[in-house]
Amino acid sequence: MEVSIALQQRRSVRSYEEKPVEEQKLVKVLEAGRLSPSVTNRQEWKFLVVKSDEKRKKLAEAACGQSFISEAPVILVACATETRAIMPCGLPAHIVDVSIAFAYMILQAWDLGLGTCWIGAFQEEEVKRILSIPEDIRVVAMSPLGYPTHGIPPRPRKSLAEIVCFEEYS
């Protein structure tokens, strides 16, 4: 699939088939994160793959009770392993780096026929407890990963004229 097609068709999936994700597809998704760019090529991330029914249910609860998360056969958890680096623009590098990597993974998943849903609503300390994540590691995002149960209609998007400026902010 071409990137432009994936960008147009990708949707947030909130309903999953009871079908396992093949290992070779999971590896391709993880590889997309590994290959993504990062500030000065630091690659300060770790991706957790959660398949256990018990842990998936606990993660759904830690994600503000979003039960659909545990319906997927896999939950991916994206972590930053170093959080002190600040880019010259003032933004924390770990948030940008892990977000880029996770976006690559989500697009790769869609290309493989898998659905995802970026989850940012979660209680980080609870996620860390469930997955034995060290205190100095930050959880940036989570996503269920699995086969969508049905087609998802597109969500409305603003026009380019509403979001793009040329030469200066207007």
N, C-alpha and C. Protein backbone atom coordinates (compact mmCIF):
# COMPACT_ATOMS: atom_id res chain seq x y z
N MET A 1 0.85 -1.18 0.00
CA MET A 1 0.00 0.00 0.00
C MET A 1 0.90 1.23 0.00
N GLU A 2 0.51 2.21 -0.77
CA GLU A 2 1.25 3.47 -0.77
C GLU A 2 0.93 4.26 0.49
N VAL A 3 1.90 5.04 0.93
CA VAL A 3 1.72 5.81 2.14
C VAL A 3 0.51 6.74 2.03
N SER A 4 0.34 7.38 0.87
CA SER A 4 -0.78 8.32 0.72
C SER A 4 -2.12 7.61 0.88
N ILE A 5 -2.21 6.37 0.43
CA ILE A 5 -3.46 5.61 0.58
C ILE A 5 -3.68 5.26 2.06
N ALA A 6 -2.61 4.82 2.73
CA ALA A 6 -2.72 4.50 4.16
C ALA A 6 -3.15 5.73 4.95
N LEU A 7 -2.60 6.89 4.62
CA LEU A 7 -2.96 8.12 5.32
C LEU A 7 -4.43 8.46 5.12
N GLN A 8 -4.94 8.22 3.94
CA GLN A 8 -6.35 8.52 3.65
C GLN A 8 -7.30 7.51 4.28
N GLN A 9 -6.90 6.25 4.34
CA GLN A 9 -7.82 5.19 4.77
C GLN A 9 -7.74 4.82 6.24
N ARG A 10 -6.62 5.07 6.89
CA ARG A 10 -6.44 4.65 8.28
C ARG A 10 -7.48 5.25 9.20
N ARG A 11 -7.99 4.43 10.10
CA ARG A 11 -9.01 4.86 11.06
C ARG A 11 -8.63 4.36 12.45
N SER A 12 -9.16 4.99 13.47
CA SER A 12 -9.03 4.48 14.83
C SER A 12 -10.05 3.37 15.01
N VAL A 13 -9.56 2.20 15.38
CA VAL A 13 -10.40 1.01 15.49
C VAL A 13 -10.74 0.76 16.95
N ARG A 14 -12.03 0.56 17.21
CA ARG A 14 -12.49 0.32 18.58
C ARG A 14 -13.28 -0.98 18.71
N SER A 15 -13.14 -1.85 17.72
CA SER A 15 -13.80 -3.15 17.76
C SER A 15 -12.94 -4.14 16.98
N TYR A 16 -12.57 -5.26 17.64
CA TYR A 16 -11.60 -6.18 17.07
C TYR A 16 -12.13 -7.61 17.00
N GLU A 17 -11.69 -8.34 15.97
CA GLU A 17 -12.02 -9.75 15.84
C GLU A 17 -11.23 -10.56 16.88
N GLU A 18 -11.79 -11.71 17.22
CA GLU A 18 -11.07 -12.64 18.11
C GLU A 18 -10.15 -13.49 17.25
N LYS A 19 -9.15 -12.86 16.70
CA LYS A 19 -8.22 -13.52 15.80
C LYS A 19 -6.82 -13.05 16.17
N PRO A 20 -5.89 -13.97 16.38
CA PRO A 20 -4.54 -13.54 16.78
C PRO A 20 -3.82 -12.80 15.65
N VAL A 21 -2.89 -11.95 16.04
CA VAL A 21 -2.03 -11.26 15.09
C VAL A 21 -0.84 -12.17 14.82
N GLU A 22 -0.60 -12.46 13.55
CA GLU A 22 0.51 -13.32 13.17
C GLU A 22 1.83 -12.69 13.59
N GLU A 23 2.78 -13.53 14.03
CA GLU A 23 4.07 -13.04 14.52
C GLU A 23 4.80 -12.22 13.47
N GLN A 24 4.76 -12.64 12.19
CA GLN A 24 5.50 -11.89 11.17
C GLN A 24 4.91 -10.50 10.98
N LYS A 25 3.61 -10.35 11.17
CA LYS A 25 3.00 -9.02 11.07
C LYS A 25 3.37 -8.18 12.29
N LEU A 26 3.35 -8.79 13.45
CA LEU A 26 3.74 -8.08 14.67
C LEU A 26 5.18 -7.58 14.55
N VAL A 27 6.06 -8.42 14.05
CA VAL A 27 7.46 -8.03 13.89
C VAL A 27 7.59 -6.86 12.91
N LYS A 28 6.81 -6.87 11.82
CA LYS A 28 6.85 -5.75 10.87
C LYS A 28 6.40 -4.44 11.52
N VAL A 29 5.39 -4.52 12.35
CA VAL A 29 4.91 -3.33 13.06
C VAL A 29 6.00 -2.81 13.99
N LEU A 30 6.61 -3.69 14.74
CA LEU A 30 7.68 -3.30 15.66
C LEU A 30 8.90 -2.77 14.91
N GLU A 31 9.20 -3.37 13.79
CA GLU A 31 10.32 -2.93 12.95
C GLU A 31 10.10 -1.51 12.45
N ALA A 32 8.86 -1.15 12.14
CA ALA A 32 8.56 0.22 11.70
C ALA A 32 8.94 1.22 12.79
N GLY A 33 8.68 0.89 14.04
CA GLY A 33 9.10 1.76 15.14
C GLY A 33 10.61 1.84 15.26
N ARG A 34 11.26 0.71 15.10
CA ARG A 34 12.72 0.67 15.20
C ARG A 34 13.37 1.54 14.13
N LEU A 35 12.79 1.58 12.95
CA LEU A 35 13.37 2.31 11.83
C LEU A 35 13.04 3.80 11.83
N SER A 36 12.18 4.24 12.70
CA SER A 36 11.74 5.64 12.68
C SER A 36 12.86 6.58 13.13
N PRO A 37 12.77 7.85 12.72
CA PRO A 37 13.79 8.81 13.11
C PRO A 37 13.62 9.26 14.56
N SER A 38 14.73 9.73 15.13
CA SER A 38 14.70 10.28 16.48
C SER A 38 15.76 11.38 16.58
N VAL A 39 15.61 12.24 17.56
CA VAL A 39 16.55 13.35 17.76
C VAL A 39 17.96 12.79 17.91
N THR A 40 18.86 13.28 17.08
CA THR A 40 20.27 12.84 17.02
C THR A 40 20.40 11.31 17.03
N ASN A 41 19.41 10.64 16.47
CA ASN A 41 19.39 9.18 16.35
C ASN A 41 19.55 8.47 17.70
N ARG A 42 18.97 9.05 18.75
CA ARG A 42 19.13 8.51 20.10
C ARG A 42 18.36 7.20 20.32
N GLN A 43 17.21 7.06 19.68
CA GLN A 43 16.41 5.84 19.79
C GLN A 43 16.15 5.46 21.25
N GLU A 44 15.74 6.43 22.02
CA GLU A 44 15.51 6.24 23.46
C GLU A 44 14.07 5.77 23.71
N TRP A 45 13.76 4.57 23.26
CA TRP A 45 12.41 4.06 23.39
C TRP A 45 12.42 2.56 23.68
N LYS A 46 11.31 2.09 24.14
CA LYS A 46 11.09 0.66 24.32
C LYS A 46 9.61 0.43 24.07
N PHE A 47 9.29 -0.64 23.33
CA PHE A 47 7.91 -0.97 23.00
C PHE A 47 7.55 -2.29 23.66
N LEU A 48 6.51 -2.28 24.47
CA LEU A 48 6.07 -3.49 25.15
C LEU A 48 4.92 -4.10 24.37
N VAL A 49 4.95 -5.40 24.22
CA VAL A 49 3.90 -6.17 23.54
C VAL A 49 3.17 -6.96 24.61
N VAL A 50 1.89 -6.69 24.77
CA VAL A 50 1.10 -7.34 25.83
C VAL A 50 0.03 -8.21 25.18
N LYS A 51 0.10 -9.52 25.45
CA LYS A 51 -0.87 -10.46 24.90
C LYS A 51 -1.72 -11.14 25.98
N SER A 52 -1.26 -11.13 27.19
CA SER A 52 -1.95 -11.79 28.29
C SER A 52 -3.35 -11.19 28.48
N ASP A 53 -4.37 -12.07 28.55
CA ASP A 53 -5.75 -11.61 28.78
C ASP A 53 -5.84 -10.78 30.05
N GLU A 54 -5.22 -11.27 31.10
CA GLU A 54 -5.30 -10.58 32.40
C GLU A 54 -4.70 -9.18 32.33
N LYS A 55 -3.53 -9.07 31.75
CA LYS A 55 -2.88 -7.76 31.66
C LYS A 55 -3.61 -6.82 30.71
N ARG A 56 -4.14 -7.35 29.61
CA ARG A 56 -4.90 -6.51 28.68
C ARG A 56 -6.13 -5.93 29.38
N LYS A 57 -6.81 -6.72 30.18
CA LYS A 57 -7.98 -6.22 30.91
C LYS A 57 -7.57 -5.16 31.93
N LYS A 58 -6.47 -5.38 32.62
CA LYS A 58 -5.99 -4.39 33.59
C LYS A 58 -5.58 -3.10 32.89
N LEU A 59 -4.96 -3.21 31.73
CA LEU A 59 -4.57 -2.01 30.98
C LEU A 59 -5.79 -1.23 30.51
N ALA A 60 -6.84 -1.94 30.11
CA ALA A 60 -8.08 -1.26 29.70
C ALA A 60 -8.65 -0.47 30.87
N GLU A 61 -8.61 -1.04 32.06
CA GLU A 61 -9.07 -0.32 33.25
C GLU A 61 -8.20 0.90 33.53
N ALA A 62 -6.87 0.73 33.39
CA ALA A 62 -5.94 1.84 33.61
C ALA A 62 -6.11 2.93 32.55
N ALA A 63 -6.71 2.57 31.42
CA ALA A 63 -6.97 3.51 30.34
C ALA A 63 -8.38 4.08 30.50
N CYS A 64 -8.67 4.50 31.71
CA CYS A 64 -9.94 5.14 32.03
C CYS A 64 -11.14 4.26 31.69
N GLY A 65 -10.96 2.95 31.83
CA GLY A 65 -12.06 2.01 31.63
C GLY A 65 -12.47 1.82 30.18
N GLN A 66 -11.59 2.12 29.24
CA GLN A 66 -11.91 1.93 27.82
C GLN A 66 -11.82 0.43 27.49
N SER A 67 -12.91 -0.28 27.71
CA SER A 67 -12.89 -1.74 27.64
C SER A 67 -12.56 -2.29 26.25
N PHE A 68 -12.81 -1.53 25.19
CA PHE A 68 -12.52 -2.03 23.84
C PHE A 68 -11.04 -2.36 23.67
N ILE A 69 -10.19 -1.72 24.45
CA ILE A 69 -8.75 -1.94 24.33
C ILE A 69 -8.41 -3.41 24.56
N SER A 70 -9.08 -4.02 25.53
CA SER A 70 -8.76 -5.42 25.85
C SER A 70 -9.36 -6.40 24.85
N GLU A 71 -10.21 -5.95 23.95
CA GLU A 71 -10.76 -6.84 22.92
C GLU A 71 -9.72 -7.24 21.89
N ALA A 72 -8.74 -6.38 21.66
CA ALA A 72 -7.68 -6.69 20.70
C ALA A 72 -6.76 -7.75 21.28
N PRO A 73 -6.20 -8.61 20.43
CA PRO A 73 -5.33 -9.67 20.95
C PRO A 73 -3.97 -9.16 21.45
N VAL A 74 -3.63 -7.91 21.08
CA VAL A 74 -2.35 -7.33 21.47
C VAL A 74 -2.58 -5.89 21.90
N ILE A 75 -1.85 -5.46 22.91
CA ILE A 75 -1.77 -4.04 23.24
C ILE A 75 -0.30 -3.66 23.17
N LEU A 76 -0.02 -2.60 22.42
CA LEU A 76 1.33 -2.06 22.34
C LEU A 76 1.44 -0.90 23.31
N VAL A 77 2.54 -0.84 24.02
CA VAL A 77 2.78 0.25 24.97
C VAL A 77 4.12 0.87 24.59
N ALA A 78 4.09 2.17 24.29
CA ALA A 78 5.29 2.88 23.84
C ALA A 78 5.87 3.69 25.00
N CYS A 79 7.14 3.42 25.30
CA CYS A 79 7.80 4.07 26.43
C CYS A 79 9.04 4.84 26.00
N ALA A 80 9.33 5.89 26.74
CA ALA A 80 10.56 6.65 26.56
C ALA A 80 11.53 6.23 27.65
N THR A 81 12.74 5.86 27.24
CA THR A 81 13.71 5.37 28.21
C THR A 81 14.62 6.47 28.75
N GLU A 82 14.58 7.64 28.14
CA GLU A 82 15.36 8.79 28.61
C GLU A 82 14.50 10.02 28.40
N THR A 83 14.35 10.82 29.43
CA THR A 83 13.41 11.94 29.33
C THR A 83 14.03 13.30 29.62
N ARG A 84 15.34 13.36 29.77
CA ARG A 84 15.97 14.64 30.11
C ARG A 84 16.25 15.52 28.90
N ALA A 85 16.39 14.94 27.71
CA ALA A 85 16.78 15.72 26.53
C ALA A 85 15.67 16.68 26.11
N ILE A 86 16.07 17.93 25.96
CA ILE A 86 15.16 18.97 25.48
C ILE A 86 15.71 19.48 24.15
N MET A 87 14.87 19.54 23.15
CA MET A 87 15.29 20.04 21.85
C MET A 87 15.49 21.56 21.92
N PRO A 88 16.31 22.14 21.02
CA PRO A 88 16.52 23.59 21.05
C PRO A 88 15.23 24.41 21.01
N CYS A 89 14.17 23.84 20.45
CA CYS A 89 12.89 24.56 20.40
C CYS A 89 12.16 24.53 21.74
N GLY A 90 12.67 23.75 22.69
CA GLY A 90 12.07 23.71 24.02
C GLY A 90 11.19 22.51 24.28
N LEU A 91 10.94 21.69 23.28
CA LEU A 91 10.09 20.52 23.47
C LEU A 91 10.89 19.33 24.00
N PRO A 92 10.29 18.52 24.86
CA PRO A 92 10.97 17.30 25.31
C PRO A 92 11.14 16.33 24.14
N ALA A 93 12.37 15.91 23.90
CA ALA A 93 12.66 15.03 22.77
C ALA A 93 11.92 13.70 22.87
N HIS A 94 11.74 13.18 24.08
CA HIS A 94 11.15 11.84 24.21
C HIS A 94 9.71 11.79 23.71
N ILE A 95 8.96 12.83 23.92
CA ILE A 95 7.56 12.83 23.46
C ILE A 95 7.51 12.84 21.94
N VAL A 96 8.34 13.66 21.33
CA VAL A 96 8.38 13.75 19.88
C VAL A 96 8.87 12.43 19.28
N ASP A 97 9.99 11.92 19.79
CA ASP A 97 10.58 10.69 19.24
C ASP A 97 9.64 9.49 19.33
N VAL A 98 9.09 9.27 20.51
CA VAL A 98 8.22 8.10 20.69
C VAL A 98 6.93 8.27 19.88
N SER A 99 6.43 9.48 19.77
CA SER A 99 5.22 9.71 18.97
C SER A 99 5.47 9.43 17.49
N ILE A 100 6.62 9.85 16.98
CA ILE A 100 6.96 9.55 15.58
C ILE A 100 7.03 8.04 15.38
N ALA A 101 7.74 7.36 16.27
CA ALA A 101 7.89 5.90 16.14
C ALA A 101 6.53 5.20 16.19
N PHE A 102 5.67 5.64 17.11
CA PHE A 102 4.36 5.01 17.24
C PHE A 102 3.50 5.28 16.01
N ALA A 103 3.61 6.47 15.44
CA ALA A 103 2.87 6.78 14.22
C ALA A 103 3.33 5.88 13.07
N TYR A 104 4.62 5.64 12.96
CA TYR A 104 5.13 4.72 11.94
C TYR A 104 4.53 3.33 12.15
N MET A 105 4.51 2.88 13.40
CA MET A 105 3.99 1.56 13.71
C MET A 105 2.50 1.45 13.35
N ILE A 106 1.76 2.50 13.64
CA ILE A 106 0.32 2.51 13.36
C ILE A 106 0.05 2.45 11.86
N LEU A 107 0.84 3.20 11.08
CA LEU A 107 0.68 3.15 9.63
C LEU A 107 1.08 1.79 9.07
N GLN A 108 2.13 1.20 9.60
CA GLN A 108 2.55 -0.14 9.15
C GLN A 108 1.45 -1.16 9.48
N ALA A 109 0.86 -1.04 10.65
CA ALA A 109 -0.21 -1.96 11.04
C ALA A 109 -1.36 -1.87 10.05
N TRP A 110 -1.75 -0.65 9.70
CA TRP A 110 -2.87 -0.47 8.76
C TRP A 110 -2.54 -1.11 7.41
N ASP A 111 -1.32 -0.93 6.96
CA ASP A 111 -0.88 -1.51 5.69
C ASP A 111 -0.99 -3.04 5.71
N LEU A 112 -0.85 -3.63 6.89
CA LEU A 112 -0.92 -5.09 7.04
C LEU A 112 -2.34 -5.58 7.34
N GLY A 113 -3.31 -4.67 7.29
CA GLY A 113 -4.70 -5.06 7.54
C GLY A 113 -5.08 -5.07 9.01
N LEU A 114 -4.24 -4.48 9.85
CA LEU A 114 -4.48 -4.45 11.29
C LEU A 114 -4.99 -3.09 11.72
N GLY A 115 -5.79 -3.08 12.76
CA GLY A 115 -6.32 -1.85 13.30
C GLY A 115 -5.61 -1.46 14.59
N THR A 116 -5.63 -0.15 14.85
CA THR A 116 -5.03 0.41 16.05
C THR A 116 -5.89 1.57 16.53
N CYS A 117 -5.61 2.06 17.70
CA CYS A 117 -6.25 3.27 18.21
C CYS A 117 -5.30 3.92 19.21
N TRP A 118 -4.79 5.09 18.86
CA TRP A 118 -3.85 5.78 19.74
C TRP A 118 -4.55 6.07 21.07
N ILE A 119 -3.98 5.59 22.14
CA ILE A 119 -4.55 5.80 23.47
C ILE A 119 -3.62 6.70 24.27
N GLY A 120 -4.12 7.86 24.63
CA GLY A 120 -3.36 8.78 25.47
C GLY A 120 -4.03 9.00 26.81
N ALA A 121 -5.25 8.49 26.93
CA ALA A 121 -6.01 8.62 28.18
C ALA A 121 -5.75 7.38 29.03
N PHE A 122 -4.78 7.48 29.91
CA PHE A 122 -4.47 6.37 30.81
C PHE A 122 -3.78 6.91 32.05
N GLN A 123 -3.83 6.12 33.10
CA GLN A 123 -3.13 6.46 34.34
C GLN A 123 -1.74 5.83 34.28
N GLU A 124 -0.77 6.67 34.04
CA GLU A 124 0.59 6.18 33.79
C GLU A 124 1.12 5.32 34.94
N GLU A 125 0.93 5.74 36.16
CA GLU A 125 1.47 4.98 37.28
C GLU A 125 0.85 3.58 37.36
N GLU A 126 -0.42 3.48 37.02
CA GLU A 126 -1.08 2.17 37.03
C GLU A 126 -0.55 1.29 35.90
N VAL A 127 -0.35 1.86 34.72
CA VAL A 127 0.24 1.11 33.60
C VAL A 127 1.62 0.61 33.99
N LYS A 128 2.41 1.47 34.61
CA LYS A 128 3.75 1.07 35.04
C LYS A 128 3.69 -0.08 36.04
N ARG A 129 2.75 -0.01 36.96
CA ARG A 129 2.61 -1.07 37.96
C ARG A 129 2.25 -2.40 37.30
N ILE A 130 1.29 -2.37 36.40
CA ILE A 130 0.81 -3.59 35.72
C ILE A 130 1.94 -4.26 34.94
N LEU A 131 2.79 -3.45 34.30
CA LEU A 131 3.81 -3.97 33.39
C LEU A 131 5.22 -3.94 33.99
N SER A 132 5.33 -3.64 35.28
CA SER A 132 6.64 -3.58 35.95
C SER A 132 7.61 -2.65 35.23
N ILE A 133 7.12 -1.49 34.84
CA ILE A 133 7.95 -0.49 34.17
C ILE A 133 8.65 0.34 35.24
N PRO A 134 9.96 0.52 35.12
CA PRO A 134 10.70 1.30 36.13
C PRO A 134 10.19 2.74 36.24
N GLU A 135 10.39 3.31 37.41
CA GLU A 135 9.91 4.65 37.72
C GLU A 135 10.43 5.71 36.77
N ASP A 136 11.69 5.61 36.32
CA ASP A 136 12.28 6.65 35.48
C ASP A 136 11.89 6.55 34.01
N ILE A 137 11.13 5.55 33.64
CA ILE A 137 10.64 5.38 32.27
C ILE A 137 9.28 6.04 32.15
N ARG A 138 9.02 6.71 31.03
CA ARG A 138 7.72 7.34 30.81
C ARG A 138 6.91 6.55 29.79
N VAL A 139 5.64 6.36 30.08
CA VAL A 139 4.72 5.74 29.13
C VAL A 139 4.13 6.89 28.32
N VAL A 140 4.35 6.87 27.01
CA VAL A 140 3.90 7.96 26.14
C VAL A 140 2.55 7.66 25.50
N ALA A 141 2.35 6.41 25.09
CA ALA A 141 1.10 6.05 24.41
C ALA A 141 0.89 4.54 24.47
N MET A 142 -0.35 4.15 24.22
CA MET A 142 -0.70 2.73 24.10
C MET A 142 -1.61 2.59 22.88
N SER A 143 -1.69 1.37 22.37
CA SER A 143 -2.64 1.10 21.29
C SER A 143 -3.02 -0.37 21.28
N PRO A 144 -4.30 -0.66 21.14
CA PRO A 144 -4.69 -2.04 20.84
C PRO A 144 -4.21 -2.35 19.41
N LEU A 145 -3.99 -3.61 19.12
CA LEU A 145 -3.55 -4.04 17.79
C LEU A 145 -4.28 -5.34 17.45
N GLY A 146 -5.02 -5.32 16.35
CA GLY A 146 -5.74 -6.53 15.94
C GLY A 146 -6.50 -6.28 14.66
N TYR A 147 -7.29 -7.27 14.29
CA TYR A 147 -8.07 -7.16 13.06
C TYR A 147 -9.40 -6.46 13.35
N PRO A 148 -9.69 -5.39 12.61
CA PRO A 148 -10.97 -4.68 12.81
C PRO A 148 -12.16 -5.59 12.50
N THR A 149 -13.25 -5.41 13.23
CA THR A 149 -14.43 -6.23 12.99
C THR A 149 -15.25 -5.76 11.79
N HIS A 150 -15.17 -4.50 11.46
CA HIS A 150 -15.95 -3.98 10.33
C HIS A 150 -15.36 -2.67 9.85
N GLY A 151 -15.84 -2.20 8.69
CA GLY A 151 -15.37 -0.94 8.14
C GLY A 151 -15.72 0.23 9.04
N ILE A 152 -14.84 1.19 9.07
CA ILE A 152 -15.06 2.37 9.90
C ILE A 152 -15.16 3.57 8.97
N PRO A 153 -16.25 4.32 9.08
CA PRO A 153 -16.40 5.47 8.20
C PRO A 153 -15.38 6.56 8.53
N PRO A 154 -15.02 7.37 7.53
CA PRO A 154 -14.06 8.44 7.79
C PRO A 154 -14.64 9.49 8.73
N ARG A 155 -13.76 10.09 9.52
CA ARG A 155 -14.13 11.20 10.40
C ARG A 155 -13.93 12.50 9.63
N PRO A 156 -14.70 13.52 9.95
CA PRO A 156 -14.51 14.78 9.24
C PRO A 156 -13.13 15.37 9.51
N ARG A 157 -12.56 16.00 8.52
CA ARG A 157 -11.27 16.66 8.63
C ARG A 157 -11.41 18.10 8.15
N LYS A 158 -10.67 19.00 8.78
CA LYS A 158 -10.66 20.38 8.34
C LYS A 158 -10.02 20.46 6.96
N SER A 159 -10.37 21.50 6.22
CA SER A 159 -9.77 21.70 4.90
C SER A 159 -8.35 22.25 5.07
N LEU A 160 -7.55 22.13 4.02
CA LEU A 160 -6.21 22.69 4.06
C LEU A 160 -6.24 24.19 4.33
N ALA A 161 -7.22 24.88 3.75
CA ALA A 161 -7.32 26.34 3.94
C ALA A 161 -7.49 26.70 5.42
N GLU A 162 -8.07 25.79 6.20
CA GLU A 162 -8.28 26.06 7.63
C GLU A 162 -7.03 25.81 8.48
N ILE A 163 -6.08 25.05 7.96
CA ILE A 163 -4.95 24.65 8.80
C ILE A 163 -3.58 25.04 8.25
N VAL A 164 -3.52 25.61 7.05
CA VAL A 164 -2.24 25.93 6.44
C VAL A 164 -2.12 27.43 6.22
N CYS A 165 -0.95 27.97 6.55
CA CYS A 165 -0.61 29.38 6.29
C CYS A 165 0.68 29.39 5.47
N PHE A 166 0.85 30.41 4.67
CA PHE A 166 2.08 30.56 3.89
C PHE A 166 2.82 31.81 4.32
N GLU A 167 4.10 31.64 4.54
CA GLU A 167 5.02 32.72 4.87
C GLU A 167 4.88 33.26 6.29
N GLU A 168 3.67 33.37 6.83
CA GLU A 168 3.50 33.82 8.20
C GLU A 168 2.17 33.35 8.75
N TYR A 169 2.07 33.28 10.05
CA TYR A 169 0.86 32.81 10.70
C TYR A 169 -0.27 33.83 10.49
N SER A 170 -1.39 33.31 10.04
CA SER A 170 -2.54 34.21 9.85
C SER A 170 -3.82 33.48 10.21
